[in-house]
């Protein structure tokens, strides 16, 4: 019998020796995270998938989503709080939901939108007590951390990548709030992978630079 994704959305695999006495709590928290992300994202998983919590000997917390293979993974260690691993998995859950909503086009989505929607979808798991991504990015900018949206973070370090993820989440929030989900769904499938590669003029009637200026004004509204 095939699993029912509504009742049994994923199979959880946890490496031996990892969170040994916390497995039940971890499973419950991941199910709660998926339910939260699905509601926020606007659609549930299309089918069963596998969630892997892997032991990372170097304690380098990170995640990856092999969405076509229906596997999402977080690498962590016992010195990293379980809640932090759950937060990263919430982001990876959103990538799987994007694959299920948009199909193969998800794999070539503009990076601004792909990572932006995964961070936005993770919501409270990434907000650190801030009310929303607009407030979070306002604070980030006030501290002097701010990049053009189409920045390629390759070689810029983890701090720049994280800052851009939050900016991109805020930009996704802006696009959905101001222009609606239907247009966002159209722009998501109109990318070529690189940051800024989506057909913004074709969907919104204005280029990314114009939308970026509107977004920056929206941040301060």
N, C-alpha and C. Protein backbone atom coordinates (compact mmCIF):
# COMPACT_ATOMS: atom_id res chain seq x y z
N UNK A 1 0.85 -1.19 0.00
CA UNK A 1 0.00 0.00 0.00
C UNK A 1 0.89 1.24 0.00
N UNK A 2 0.57 2.20 -0.86
CA UNK A 2 1.32 3.44 -0.92
C UNK A 2 0.98 4.34 0.27
N UNK A 3 1.96 5.06 0.82
CA UNK A 3 1.66 5.98 1.94
C UNK A 3 0.72 7.09 1.49
N UNK A 4 -0.13 7.51 2.40
CA UNK A 4 -1.00 8.65 2.15
C UNK A 4 -0.25 9.91 2.56
N UNK A 5 0.12 10.81 1.58
CA UNK A 5 0.95 11.97 1.94
C UNK A 5 0.26 12.93 2.89
N UNK A 6 -1.08 12.87 2.98
CA UNK A 6 -1.78 13.75 3.92
C UNK A 6 -1.65 13.24 5.35
N UNK A 7 -1.59 11.91 5.51
CA UNK A 7 -1.50 11.34 6.85
C UNK A 7 -0.06 10.97 7.22
N UNK A 8 0.72 10.61 6.22
CA UNK A 8 2.09 10.16 6.44
C UNK A 8 2.97 10.81 5.38
N UNK A 9 3.24 12.12 5.50
CA UNK A 9 3.84 12.86 4.39
C UNK A 9 5.28 12.49 4.09
N UNK A 10 6.04 12.04 5.10
CA UNK A 10 7.44 11.73 4.82
C UNK A 10 7.94 10.61 5.73
N UNK A 11 8.96 9.94 5.24
CA UNK A 11 9.71 8.98 6.04
C UNK A 11 10.92 9.69 6.62
N UNK A 12 11.10 9.62 7.93
CA UNK A 12 12.22 10.27 8.60
C UNK A 12 13.34 9.26 8.82
N UNK A 13 14.53 9.61 8.37
CA UNK A 13 15.73 8.81 8.60
C UNK A 13 16.72 9.67 9.38
N UNK A 14 17.16 9.17 10.53
CA UNK A 14 18.13 9.89 11.37
C UNK A 14 19.35 8.99 11.54
N UNK A 15 20.52 9.54 11.27
CA UNK A 15 21.74 8.75 11.39
C UNK A 15 21.95 8.23 12.81
N UNK A 16 22.56 7.06 12.90
CA UNK A 16 22.90 6.48 14.20
C UNK A 16 23.76 7.44 15.00
N UNK A 17 23.47 7.53 16.29
CA UNK A 17 24.26 8.36 17.19
C UNK A 17 23.86 9.82 17.21
N UNK A 18 22.84 10.18 16.44
CA UNK A 18 22.44 11.59 16.35
C UNK A 18 21.10 11.79 17.05
N UNK A 19 21.06 12.74 18.00
CA UNK A 19 19.83 13.06 18.74
C UNK A 19 19.17 11.77 19.27
N UNK A 20 19.97 10.89 19.80
CA UNK A 20 19.50 9.55 20.16
C UNK A 20 18.30 9.57 21.10
N UNK A 21 18.34 10.44 22.11
CA UNK A 21 17.25 10.47 23.10
C UNK A 21 16.17 11.48 22.75
N UNK A 22 16.23 12.01 21.52
CA UNK A 22 15.30 13.08 21.14
C UNK A 22 14.52 12.74 19.87
N UNK A 23 14.55 11.48 19.49
CA UNK A 23 13.98 11.10 18.19
C UNK A 23 12.47 11.40 18.09
N UNK A 24 11.74 11.08 19.17
CA UNK A 24 10.29 11.32 19.14
C UNK A 24 9.97 12.80 19.02
N UNK A 25 10.67 13.62 19.80
CA UNK A 25 10.44 15.06 19.75
C UNK A 25 10.83 15.61 18.38
N UNK A 26 11.93 15.12 17.83
CA UNK A 26 12.38 15.57 16.51
C UNK A 26 11.33 15.26 15.46
N UNK A 27 10.80 14.04 15.47
CA UNK A 27 9.78 13.65 14.49
C UNK A 27 8.55 14.54 14.62
N UNK A 28 8.11 14.79 15.84
CA UNK A 28 6.92 15.63 16.05
C UNK A 28 7.18 17.05 15.55
N UNK A 29 8.36 17.58 15.85
CA UNK A 29 8.67 18.96 15.45
C UNK A 29 8.78 19.09 13.94
N UNK A 30 9.30 18.07 13.27
CA UNK A 30 9.40 18.13 11.81
C UNK A 30 8.01 18.04 11.18
N UNK A 31 7.13 17.24 11.74
CA UNK A 31 5.76 17.17 11.22
C UNK A 31 5.06 18.52 11.40
N UNK A 32 5.26 19.15 12.56
CA UNK A 32 4.68 20.47 12.79
C UNK A 32 5.25 21.50 11.82
N UNK A 33 6.55 21.40 11.56
CA UNK A 33 7.19 22.33 10.63
C UNK A 33 6.63 22.16 9.23
N UNK A 34 6.46 20.93 8.78
CA UNK A 34 5.91 20.70 7.44
C UNK A 34 4.48 21.22 7.34
N UNK A 35 3.69 21.01 8.38
CA UNK A 35 2.32 21.52 8.37
C UNK A 35 2.31 23.04 8.28
N UNK A 36 3.17 23.68 9.06
CA UNK A 36 3.26 25.14 9.04
C UNK A 36 3.71 25.64 7.67
N UNK A 37 4.78 25.05 7.12
CA UNK A 37 5.31 25.51 5.84
C UNK A 37 4.30 25.27 4.72
N UNK A 38 3.60 24.14 4.75
CA UNK A 38 2.61 23.85 3.72
C UNK A 38 1.49 24.88 3.71
N UNK A 39 1.02 25.25 4.89
CA UNK A 39 -0.05 26.25 4.98
C UNK A 39 0.46 27.61 4.51
N UNK A 40 1.65 27.97 4.91
CA UNK A 40 2.22 29.27 4.52
C UNK A 40 2.51 29.31 3.01
N UNK A 41 3.05 28.21 2.50
CA UNK A 41 3.39 28.14 1.08
C UNK A 41 2.15 28.13 0.20
N UNK A 42 1.10 27.49 0.69
CA UNK A 42 -0.16 27.50 -0.05
C UNK A 42 -0.53 26.18 -0.70
N UNK A 43 0.30 25.16 -0.54
CA UNK A 43 -0.03 23.84 -1.08
C UNK A 43 0.79 22.78 -0.35
N UNK A 44 0.21 21.58 -0.19
CA UNK A 44 0.89 20.52 0.55
C UNK A 44 1.79 19.70 -0.38
N UNK A 45 2.53 18.73 0.18
CA UNK A 45 3.30 17.84 -0.70
C UNK A 45 2.38 17.09 -1.65
N UNK A 46 2.87 16.86 -2.87
CA UNK A 46 2.09 16.12 -3.86
C UNK A 46 2.20 14.62 -3.65
N UNK A 47 3.17 14.21 -2.88
CA UNK A 47 3.37 12.79 -2.61
C UNK A 47 4.35 12.60 -1.47
N UNK A 48 4.54 11.34 -1.13
CA UNK A 48 5.44 11.00 -0.03
C UNK A 48 6.88 11.34 -0.39
N UNK A 49 7.67 11.74 0.61
CA UNK A 49 9.09 12.01 0.38
C UNK A 49 9.88 11.56 1.59
N UNK A 50 11.20 11.67 1.49
CA UNK A 50 12.10 11.24 2.57
C UNK A 50 12.81 12.44 3.16
N UNK A 51 12.82 12.53 4.47
CA UNK A 51 13.55 13.58 5.19
C UNK A 51 14.68 12.92 5.95
N UNK A 52 15.92 13.35 5.67
CA UNK A 52 17.10 12.74 6.27
C UNK A 52 17.76 13.75 7.20
N UNK A 53 18.05 13.33 8.42
CA UNK A 53 18.84 14.13 9.35
C UNK A 53 20.17 13.39 9.51
N UNK A 54 21.21 13.96 8.90
CA UNK A 54 22.50 13.28 8.80
C UNK A 54 23.50 13.82 9.80
N UNK A 55 24.36 12.94 10.29
CA UNK A 55 25.40 13.33 11.23
C UNK A 55 26.56 13.95 10.47
N UNK A 56 26.88 15.18 10.82
CA UNK A 56 27.98 15.92 10.20
C UNK A 56 29.10 16.04 11.23
N UNK A 57 30.18 15.31 11.01
CA UNK A 57 31.25 15.26 12.00
C UNK A 57 31.87 16.63 12.26
N UNK A 58 31.89 17.50 11.25
CA UNK A 58 32.48 18.82 11.42
C UNK A 58 31.51 19.82 12.06
N UNK A 59 30.27 19.36 12.33
CA UNK A 59 29.24 20.22 12.92
C UNK A 59 28.96 21.45 12.05
N UNK A 60 29.02 21.29 10.76
CA UNK A 60 28.67 22.34 9.81
C UNK A 60 27.20 22.17 9.43
N UNK A 61 26.33 22.92 10.07
CA UNK A 61 24.90 22.80 9.84
C UNK A 61 24.55 23.30 8.44
N UNK A 62 23.91 22.45 7.65
CA UNK A 62 23.49 22.85 6.31
C UNK A 62 22.42 21.89 5.80
N UNK A 63 21.73 22.32 4.75
CA UNK A 63 20.68 21.50 4.17
C UNK A 63 20.80 21.40 2.68
N UNK A 64 20.10 20.43 2.12
CA UNK A 64 20.06 20.26 0.67
C UNK A 64 18.74 19.58 0.32
N UNK A 65 18.20 19.91 -0.84
CA UNK A 65 16.95 19.31 -1.29
C UNK A 65 17.15 18.70 -2.67
N UNK A 66 17.02 17.39 -2.75
CA UNK A 66 17.03 16.69 -4.04
C UNK A 66 15.56 16.47 -4.42
N UNK A 67 14.95 17.53 -4.91
CA UNK A 67 13.49 17.54 -5.00
C UNK A 67 12.94 16.56 -6.03
N UNK A 68 13.66 16.33 -7.12
CA UNK A 68 13.17 15.36 -8.10
C UNK A 68 13.22 13.95 -7.54
N UNK A 69 14.19 13.70 -6.66
CA UNK A 69 14.30 12.39 -6.01
C UNK A 69 13.42 12.29 -4.78
N UNK A 70 12.78 13.42 -4.43
CA UNK A 70 11.89 13.50 -3.27
C UNK A 70 12.64 13.17 -1.97
N UNK A 71 13.82 13.78 -1.83
CA UNK A 71 14.61 13.63 -0.61
C UNK A 71 15.12 14.99 -0.18
N UNK A 72 14.90 15.33 1.08
CA UNK A 72 15.45 16.56 1.66
C UNK A 72 16.32 16.16 2.84
N UNK A 73 17.38 16.92 3.06
CA UNK A 73 18.35 16.52 4.08
C UNK A 73 18.89 17.71 4.84
N UNK A 74 19.09 17.50 6.13
CA UNK A 74 19.81 18.44 6.98
C UNK A 74 20.99 17.70 7.59
N UNK A 75 22.17 18.30 7.51
CA UNK A 75 23.35 17.74 8.17
C UNK A 75 23.63 18.55 9.43
N UNK A 76 23.80 17.86 10.54
CA UNK A 76 23.94 18.52 11.84
C UNK A 76 24.76 17.62 12.76
N UNK A 77 24.86 18.00 14.03
CA UNK A 77 25.56 17.16 15.01
C UNK A 77 24.91 17.38 16.37
N UNK A 78 25.32 16.60 17.34
CA UNK A 78 24.69 16.66 18.66
C UNK A 78 24.98 17.95 19.40
N UNK A 79 26.02 18.66 19.00
CA UNK A 79 26.33 19.94 19.64
C UNK A 79 25.46 21.08 19.11
N UNK A 80 24.70 20.82 18.06
CA UNK A 80 23.80 21.82 17.49
C UNK A 80 22.39 21.54 17.99
N UNK A 81 21.75 22.56 18.52
CA UNK A 81 20.40 22.38 19.07
C UNK A 81 19.45 21.83 18.03
N UNK A 82 18.61 20.91 18.47
CA UNK A 82 17.63 20.28 17.57
C UNK A 82 16.78 21.31 16.84
N UNK A 83 16.43 22.39 17.52
CA UNK A 83 15.57 23.42 16.91
C UNK A 83 16.22 24.05 15.68
N UNK A 84 17.54 24.18 15.70
CA UNK A 84 18.23 24.77 14.55
C UNK A 84 18.17 23.83 13.35
N UNK A 85 18.28 22.54 13.60
CA UNK A 85 18.16 21.57 12.51
C UNK A 85 16.75 21.58 11.93
N UNK A 86 15.76 21.71 12.80
CA UNK A 86 14.37 21.77 12.33
C UNK A 86 14.15 23.02 11.47
N UNK A 87 14.76 24.13 11.86
CA UNK A 87 14.61 25.37 11.09
C UNK A 87 15.19 25.21 9.68
N UNK A 88 16.35 24.58 9.57
CA UNK A 88 16.92 24.36 8.25
C UNK A 88 16.04 23.41 7.44
N UNK A 89 15.50 22.39 8.08
CA UNK A 89 14.63 21.46 7.37
C UNK A 89 13.36 22.15 6.89
N UNK A 90 12.86 23.13 7.63
CA UNK A 90 11.68 23.87 7.17
C UNK A 90 11.95 24.52 5.82
N UNK A 91 13.14 25.07 5.65
CA UNK A 91 13.56 25.66 4.37
C UNK A 91 13.59 24.59 3.28
N UNK A 92 14.14 23.42 3.59
CA UNK A 92 14.23 22.35 2.58
C UNK A 92 12.83 21.81 2.25
N UNK A 93 11.95 21.75 3.24
CA UNK A 93 10.57 21.36 2.97
C UNK A 93 9.96 22.28 1.90
N UNK A 94 10.21 23.58 2.03
CA UNK A 94 9.63 24.52 1.07
C UNK A 94 10.15 24.28 -0.34
N UNK A 95 11.42 23.89 -0.47
CA UNK A 95 11.93 23.54 -1.79
C UNK A 95 11.15 22.35 -2.37
N UNK A 96 10.86 21.35 -1.56
CA UNK A 96 10.10 20.20 -2.06
C UNK A 96 8.69 20.62 -2.47
N UNK A 97 8.08 21.49 -1.69
CA UNK A 97 6.74 21.97 -2.04
C UNK A 97 6.77 22.75 -3.34
N UNK A 98 7.86 23.51 -3.58
CA UNK A 98 7.98 24.25 -4.85
C UNK A 98 8.10 23.29 -6.02
N UNK A 99 8.88 22.23 -5.85
CA UNK A 99 8.95 21.20 -6.90
C UNK A 99 7.57 20.64 -7.19
N UNK A 100 6.80 20.36 -6.14
CA UNK A 100 5.49 19.76 -6.32
C UNK A 100 4.49 20.73 -6.93
N UNK A 101 4.63 22.01 -6.67
CA UNK A 101 3.70 23.00 -7.20
C UNK A 101 4.04 23.37 -8.65
N UNK A 102 5.33 23.51 -8.93
CA UNK A 102 5.75 24.06 -10.22
C UNK A 102 6.32 23.04 -11.19
N UNK A 103 6.61 21.83 -10.72
CA UNK A 103 7.13 20.81 -11.61
C UNK A 103 8.58 21.05 -12.01
N UNK A 104 9.00 20.50 -13.16
CA UNK A 104 10.41 20.61 -13.57
C UNK A 104 10.93 22.04 -13.68
N UNK A 105 10.04 23.00 -13.93
CA UNK A 105 10.48 24.40 -14.03
C UNK A 105 11.10 24.89 -12.72
N UNK A 106 10.78 24.22 -11.61
CA UNK A 106 11.38 24.60 -10.33
C UNK A 106 12.91 24.55 -10.39
N UNK A 107 13.43 23.60 -11.14
CA UNK A 107 14.88 23.38 -11.16
C UNK A 107 15.63 24.49 -11.89
N UNK A 108 14.93 25.29 -12.68
CA UNK A 108 15.59 26.40 -13.38
C UNK A 108 15.06 27.76 -12.92
N UNK A 109 14.38 27.77 -11.78
CA UNK A 109 13.84 29.04 -11.27
C UNK A 109 14.97 30.02 -10.97
N UNK A 110 14.70 31.29 -11.19
CA UNK A 110 15.59 32.38 -10.77
C UNK A 110 15.97 32.14 -9.31
N UNK A 111 17.27 32.17 -9.00
CA UNK A 111 17.73 31.87 -7.64
C UNK A 111 17.11 32.82 -6.61
N UNK A 112 16.87 34.07 -7.01
CA UNK A 112 16.21 35.01 -6.10
C UNK A 112 14.89 34.42 -5.62
N UNK A 113 14.14 33.84 -6.55
CA UNK A 113 12.81 33.33 -6.23
C UNK A 113 12.86 31.95 -5.60
N UNK A 114 13.79 31.10 -6.06
CA UNK A 114 13.88 29.74 -5.51
C UNK A 114 14.30 29.75 -4.04
N UNK A 115 15.37 30.48 -3.73
CA UNK A 115 15.81 30.54 -2.34
C UNK A 115 14.95 31.51 -1.54
N UNK A 116 14.43 32.52 -2.22
CA UNK A 116 13.55 33.46 -1.53
C UNK A 116 12.28 32.80 -1.06
N UNK A 117 11.65 31.99 -1.92
CA UNK A 117 10.39 31.37 -1.51
C UNK A 117 10.62 30.28 -0.46
N UNK A 118 11.79 29.61 -0.50
CA UNK A 118 12.07 28.60 0.52
C UNK A 118 12.30 29.24 1.89
N UNK A 119 12.98 30.39 1.89
CA UNK A 119 13.20 31.11 3.15
C UNK A 119 11.90 31.73 3.64
N UNK A 120 11.17 32.36 2.73
CA UNK A 120 9.86 32.93 3.09
C UNK A 120 8.92 31.85 3.61
N UNK A 121 8.91 30.69 2.94
CA UNK A 121 8.03 29.60 3.35
C UNK A 121 8.35 29.09 4.74
N UNK A 122 9.64 29.15 5.12
CA UNK A 122 10.04 28.71 6.46
C UNK A 122 9.58 29.67 7.55
N UNK A 123 9.26 30.90 7.17
CA UNK A 123 8.62 31.85 8.06
C UNK A 123 9.23 31.96 9.44
N UNK A 124 8.44 31.67 10.45
CA UNK A 124 8.84 31.89 11.85
C UNK A 124 10.08 31.08 12.22
N UNK A 125 10.35 30.01 11.49
CA UNK A 125 11.54 29.21 11.79
C UNK A 125 12.83 29.96 11.46
N UNK A 126 12.72 31.01 10.64
CA UNK A 126 13.89 31.78 10.23
C UNK A 126 13.84 33.22 10.73
N UNK A 127 12.77 33.63 11.34
CA UNK A 127 12.60 35.05 11.64
C UNK A 127 13.25 35.50 12.95
N UNK A 128 13.64 34.58 13.78
CA UNK A 128 14.35 34.96 15.00
C UNK A 128 13.59 35.96 15.87
N UNK A 129 12.27 35.83 15.91
CA UNK A 129 11.46 36.71 16.74
C UNK A 129 10.97 37.97 16.04
N UNK A 130 11.50 38.27 14.85
CA UNK A 130 11.00 39.42 14.09
C UNK A 130 9.59 39.10 13.56
N UNK A 131 8.74 40.11 13.38
CA UNK A 131 7.37 39.84 12.96
C UNK A 131 7.25 39.37 11.52
N UNK A 132 8.18 39.78 10.66
CA UNK A 132 8.11 39.41 9.24
C UNK A 132 9.47 39.69 8.59
N UNK A 133 9.59 39.30 7.33
CA UNK A 133 10.87 39.49 6.64
C UNK A 133 11.12 40.95 6.29
N UNK A 134 10.09 41.73 6.15
CA UNK A 134 10.28 43.16 5.91
C UNK A 134 11.01 43.80 7.09
N UNK A 135 10.55 43.51 8.30
CA UNK A 135 11.20 44.05 9.49
C UNK A 135 12.61 43.50 9.64
N UNK A 136 12.78 42.22 9.35
CA UNK A 136 14.09 41.60 9.48
C UNK A 136 15.10 42.29 8.55
N UNK A 137 14.70 42.52 7.30
CA UNK A 137 15.63 43.11 6.33
C UNK A 137 15.86 44.59 6.63
N UNK A 138 14.87 45.28 7.15
CA UNK A 138 15.10 46.67 7.58
C UNK A 138 16.22 46.72 8.61
N UNK A 139 16.17 45.79 9.57
CA UNK A 139 17.21 45.75 10.58
C UNK A 139 18.57 45.38 10.01
N UNK A 140 18.57 44.45 9.09
CA UNK A 140 19.80 44.04 8.42
C UNK A 140 20.43 45.22 7.69
N UNK A 141 19.58 45.96 6.96
CA UNK A 141 20.06 47.11 6.19
C UNK A 141 20.57 48.20 7.12
N UNK A 142 19.89 48.42 8.24
CA UNK A 142 20.31 49.44 9.21
C UNK A 142 21.69 49.13 9.79
N UNK A 143 22.03 47.84 9.82
CA UNK A 143 23.35 47.44 10.34
C UNK A 143 24.42 47.49 9.26
N UNK A 144 24.04 47.91 8.05
CA UNK A 144 25.00 48.06 6.97
C UNK A 144 25.15 46.85 6.07
N UNK A 145 24.26 45.87 6.22
CA UNK A 145 24.32 44.66 5.41
C UNK A 145 23.19 44.71 4.38
N UNK A 146 23.55 44.95 3.13
CA UNK A 146 22.53 45.08 2.09
C UNK A 146 23.20 44.91 0.73
N UNK A 147 22.57 44.12 -0.14
CA UNK A 147 23.13 43.82 -1.44
C UNK A 147 22.09 44.05 -2.53
N UNK A 148 22.52 44.36 -3.76
CA UNK A 148 21.57 44.33 -4.88
C UNK A 148 20.94 42.94 -4.98
N UNK A 149 19.67 42.88 -5.35
CA UNK A 149 18.98 41.60 -5.35
C UNK A 149 19.63 40.56 -6.25
N UNK A 150 20.15 40.98 -7.38
CA UNK A 150 20.71 40.03 -8.35
C UNK A 150 22.16 39.65 -8.05
N UNK A 151 22.61 39.87 -6.83
CA UNK A 151 23.98 39.51 -6.44
C UNK A 151 24.18 38.00 -6.45
N UNK A 152 25.27 37.56 -7.06
CA UNK A 152 25.70 36.17 -6.99
C UNK A 152 26.59 36.04 -5.75
N UNK A 153 26.17 35.23 -4.78
CA UNK A 153 26.90 35.16 -3.52
C UNK A 153 28.12 34.24 -3.58
N UNK A 154 28.37 33.62 -4.72
CA UNK A 154 29.51 32.71 -4.84
C UNK A 154 30.80 33.42 -4.44
N UNK A 155 31.52 32.83 -3.51
CA UNK A 155 32.79 33.39 -3.07
C UNK A 155 32.68 34.53 -2.07
N UNK A 156 31.47 34.92 -1.70
CA UNK A 156 31.29 36.04 -0.78
C UNK A 156 31.14 35.60 0.68
N UNK A 157 31.07 34.31 0.92
CA UNK A 157 30.99 33.82 2.29
C UNK A 157 29.56 33.57 2.74
N UNK A 158 29.46 32.82 3.84
CA UNK A 158 28.15 32.41 4.35
C UNK A 158 27.33 33.59 4.84
N UNK A 159 27.98 34.63 5.37
CA UNK A 159 27.24 35.80 5.85
C UNK A 159 26.50 36.49 4.74
N UNK A 160 27.15 36.67 3.60
CA UNK A 160 26.51 37.31 2.45
C UNK A 160 25.37 36.44 1.92
N UNK A 161 25.61 35.14 1.86
CA UNK A 161 24.56 34.24 1.38
C UNK A 161 23.32 34.33 2.27
N UNK A 162 23.53 34.27 3.59
CA UNK A 162 22.39 34.34 4.50
C UNK A 162 21.66 35.67 4.39
N UNK A 163 22.41 36.77 4.28
CA UNK A 163 21.78 38.08 4.14
C UNK A 163 20.93 38.14 2.88
N UNK A 164 21.45 37.58 1.79
CA UNK A 164 20.69 37.58 0.54
C UNK A 164 19.46 36.70 0.65
N UNK A 165 19.56 35.58 1.34
CA UNK A 165 18.37 34.74 1.52
C UNK A 165 17.24 35.52 2.19
N UNK A 166 17.59 36.31 3.20
CA UNK A 166 16.58 37.11 3.88
C UNK A 166 16.05 38.21 2.96
N UNK A 167 16.93 38.86 2.22
CA UNK A 167 16.46 39.88 1.26
C UNK A 167 15.53 39.25 0.23
N UNK A 168 15.92 38.11 -0.28
CA UNK A 168 15.11 37.45 -1.30
C UNK A 168 13.76 37.02 -0.73
N UNK A 169 13.74 36.55 0.52
CA UNK A 169 12.47 36.21 1.17
C UNK A 169 11.57 37.44 1.26
N UNK A 170 12.16 38.57 1.62
CA UNK A 170 11.40 39.81 1.71
C UNK A 170 10.88 40.24 0.34
N UNK A 171 11.70 40.03 -0.70
CA UNK A 171 11.26 40.38 -2.06
C UNK A 171 10.11 39.48 -2.50
N UNK A 172 10.17 38.20 -2.18
CA UNK A 172 9.06 37.30 -2.46
C UNK A 172 7.80 37.76 -1.73
N UNK A 173 7.96 38.11 -0.47
CA UNK A 173 6.84 38.62 0.32
C UNK A 173 6.22 39.85 -0.36
N UNK A 174 7.07 40.75 -0.82
CA UNK A 174 6.63 41.96 -1.53
C UNK A 174 5.87 41.60 -2.81
N UNK A 175 6.43 40.72 -3.63
CA UNK A 175 5.78 40.37 -4.89
C UNK A 175 4.39 39.77 -4.66
N UNK A 176 4.29 38.88 -3.67
CA UNK A 176 3.00 38.25 -3.40
C UNK A 176 2.02 39.24 -2.80
N UNK A 177 2.48 40.06 -1.86
CA UNK A 177 1.59 41.02 -1.18
C UNK A 177 1.09 42.09 -2.13
N UNK A 178 1.96 42.58 -3.00
CA UNK A 178 1.60 43.71 -3.86
C UNK A 178 0.98 43.27 -5.17
N UNK A 179 1.50 42.19 -5.76
CA UNK A 179 1.06 41.80 -7.10
C UNK A 179 0.26 40.50 -7.16
N UNK A 180 0.20 39.78 -6.05
CA UNK A 180 -0.63 38.59 -5.99
C UNK A 180 0.11 37.30 -6.30
N UNK A 181 -0.47 36.19 -5.84
CA UNK A 181 0.15 34.88 -5.98
C UNK A 181 0.12 34.39 -7.42
N UNK A 182 -0.91 34.73 -8.18
CA UNK A 182 -1.00 34.24 -9.56
C UNK A 182 0.18 34.73 -10.37
N UNK A 183 0.54 36.00 -10.25
CA UNK A 183 1.69 36.51 -10.99
C UNK A 183 2.98 35.92 -10.45
N UNK A 184 3.06 35.69 -9.14
CA UNK A 184 4.26 35.08 -8.59
C UNK A 184 4.45 33.67 -9.15
N UNK A 185 3.36 32.91 -9.24
CA UNK A 185 3.46 31.57 -9.81
C UNK A 185 3.95 31.62 -11.25
N UNK A 186 3.54 32.64 -11.98
CA UNK A 186 4.00 32.78 -13.37
C UNK A 186 5.48 33.15 -13.44
N UNK A 187 5.93 34.05 -12.59
CA UNK A 187 7.33 34.46 -12.64
C UNK A 187 8.24 33.34 -12.16
N UNK A 188 7.76 32.51 -11.26
CA UNK A 188 8.60 31.44 -10.72
C UNK A 188 9.02 30.46 -11.80
N UNK A 189 8.15 30.22 -12.76
CA UNK A 189 8.45 29.23 -13.81
C UNK A 189 9.07 29.88 -15.04
N UNK A 190 9.49 31.17 -14.93
CA UNK A 190 10.02 31.90 -16.07
C UNK A 190 11.47 32.32 -15.84
N UNK A 191 12.25 31.44 -15.19
CA UNK A 191 13.63 31.76 -14.88
C UNK A 191 14.63 30.89 -15.61
N UNK A 192 15.89 31.27 -15.48
CA UNK A 192 16.99 30.52 -16.10
C UNK A 192 18.08 30.22 -15.07
N UNK A 193 17.70 30.16 -13.80
CA UNK A 193 18.63 29.77 -12.76
C UNK A 193 19.34 30.92 -12.08
N UNK A 194 20.03 31.75 -12.83
CA UNK A 194 20.86 32.81 -12.24
C UNK A 194 19.99 33.86 -11.56
N UNK A 195 20.52 34.52 -10.52
CA UNK A 195 19.77 35.60 -9.87
C UNK A 195 19.43 36.70 -10.88
N UNK A 196 18.16 37.04 -10.95
CA UNK A 196 17.71 38.09 -11.86
C UNK A 196 17.33 37.60 -13.24
N UNK A 197 17.33 36.28 -13.47
CA UNK A 197 17.12 35.74 -14.82
C UNK A 197 15.66 35.57 -15.21
N UNK A 198 14.73 35.73 -14.28
CA UNK A 198 13.31 35.54 -14.62
C UNK A 198 12.80 36.65 -15.53
N UNK A 199 11.72 36.37 -16.23
CA UNK A 199 11.14 37.32 -17.18
C UNK A 199 10.24 38.31 -16.45
N UNK A 200 10.85 39.19 -15.67
CA UNK A 200 10.08 40.16 -14.90
C UNK A 200 9.26 41.08 -15.80
N UNK A 201 9.80 41.61 -16.92
CA UNK A 201 8.98 42.47 -17.78
C UNK A 201 7.78 41.73 -18.36
N UNK A 202 7.96 40.45 -18.70
CA UNK A 202 6.86 39.70 -19.29
C UNK A 202 5.73 39.43 -18.33
N UNK A 203 6.02 39.35 -17.04
CA UNK A 203 4.99 39.05 -16.04
C UNK A 203 4.48 40.32 -15.37
N UNK A 204 5.41 41.22 -15.00
CA UNK A 204 5.03 42.40 -14.23
C UNK A 204 5.00 43.69 -15.05
N UNK A 205 5.47 43.61 -16.30
CA UNK A 205 5.49 44.81 -17.13
C UNK A 205 6.58 45.79 -16.75
N UNK A 206 7.55 45.35 -15.97
CA UNK A 206 8.68 46.20 -15.55
C UNK A 206 9.86 45.28 -15.22
N UNK A 207 11.06 45.83 -15.37
CA UNK A 207 12.24 45.00 -15.14
C UNK A 207 12.56 44.87 -13.66
N UNK A 208 13.56 44.05 -13.38
CA UNK A 208 13.91 43.79 -11.98
C UNK A 208 14.35 45.07 -11.27
N UNK A 209 15.08 45.94 -11.96
CA UNK A 209 15.53 47.18 -11.32
C UNK A 209 14.37 48.00 -10.82
N UNK A 210 13.32 48.11 -11.65
CA UNK A 210 12.13 48.88 -11.24
C UNK A 210 11.44 48.21 -10.06
N UNK A 211 11.31 46.90 -10.11
CA UNK A 211 10.69 46.17 -9.00
C UNK A 211 11.53 46.27 -7.73
N UNK A 212 12.83 46.27 -7.90
CA UNK A 212 13.72 46.39 -6.73
C UNK A 212 13.55 47.74 -6.06
N UNK A 213 13.39 48.80 -6.84
CA UNK A 213 13.16 50.13 -6.28
C UNK A 213 11.83 50.17 -5.53
N UNK A 214 10.80 49.54 -6.10
CA UNK A 214 9.49 49.47 -5.41
C UNK A 214 9.61 48.69 -4.11
N UNK A 215 10.36 47.60 -4.16
CA UNK A 215 10.54 46.76 -2.96
C UNK A 215 11.25 47.55 -1.86
N UNK A 216 12.27 48.33 -2.24
CA UNK A 216 12.98 49.09 -1.21
C UNK A 216 12.08 50.16 -0.59
N UNK A 217 11.21 50.76 -1.40
CA UNK A 217 10.24 51.70 -0.84
C UNK A 217 9.25 51.00 0.07
N UNK A 218 8.85 49.79 -0.32
CA UNK A 218 7.91 48.98 0.46
C UNK A 218 8.51 48.60 1.80
N UNK A 219 9.82 48.36 1.83
CA UNK A 219 10.48 48.01 3.09
C UNK A 219 10.25 49.08 4.15
N UNK A 220 10.19 50.33 3.72
CA UNK A 220 10.08 51.45 4.65
C UNK A 220 8.66 51.96 4.83
N UNK A 221 7.73 51.31 4.15
CA UNK A 221 6.33 51.79 4.22
C UNK A 221 5.73 51.53 5.59
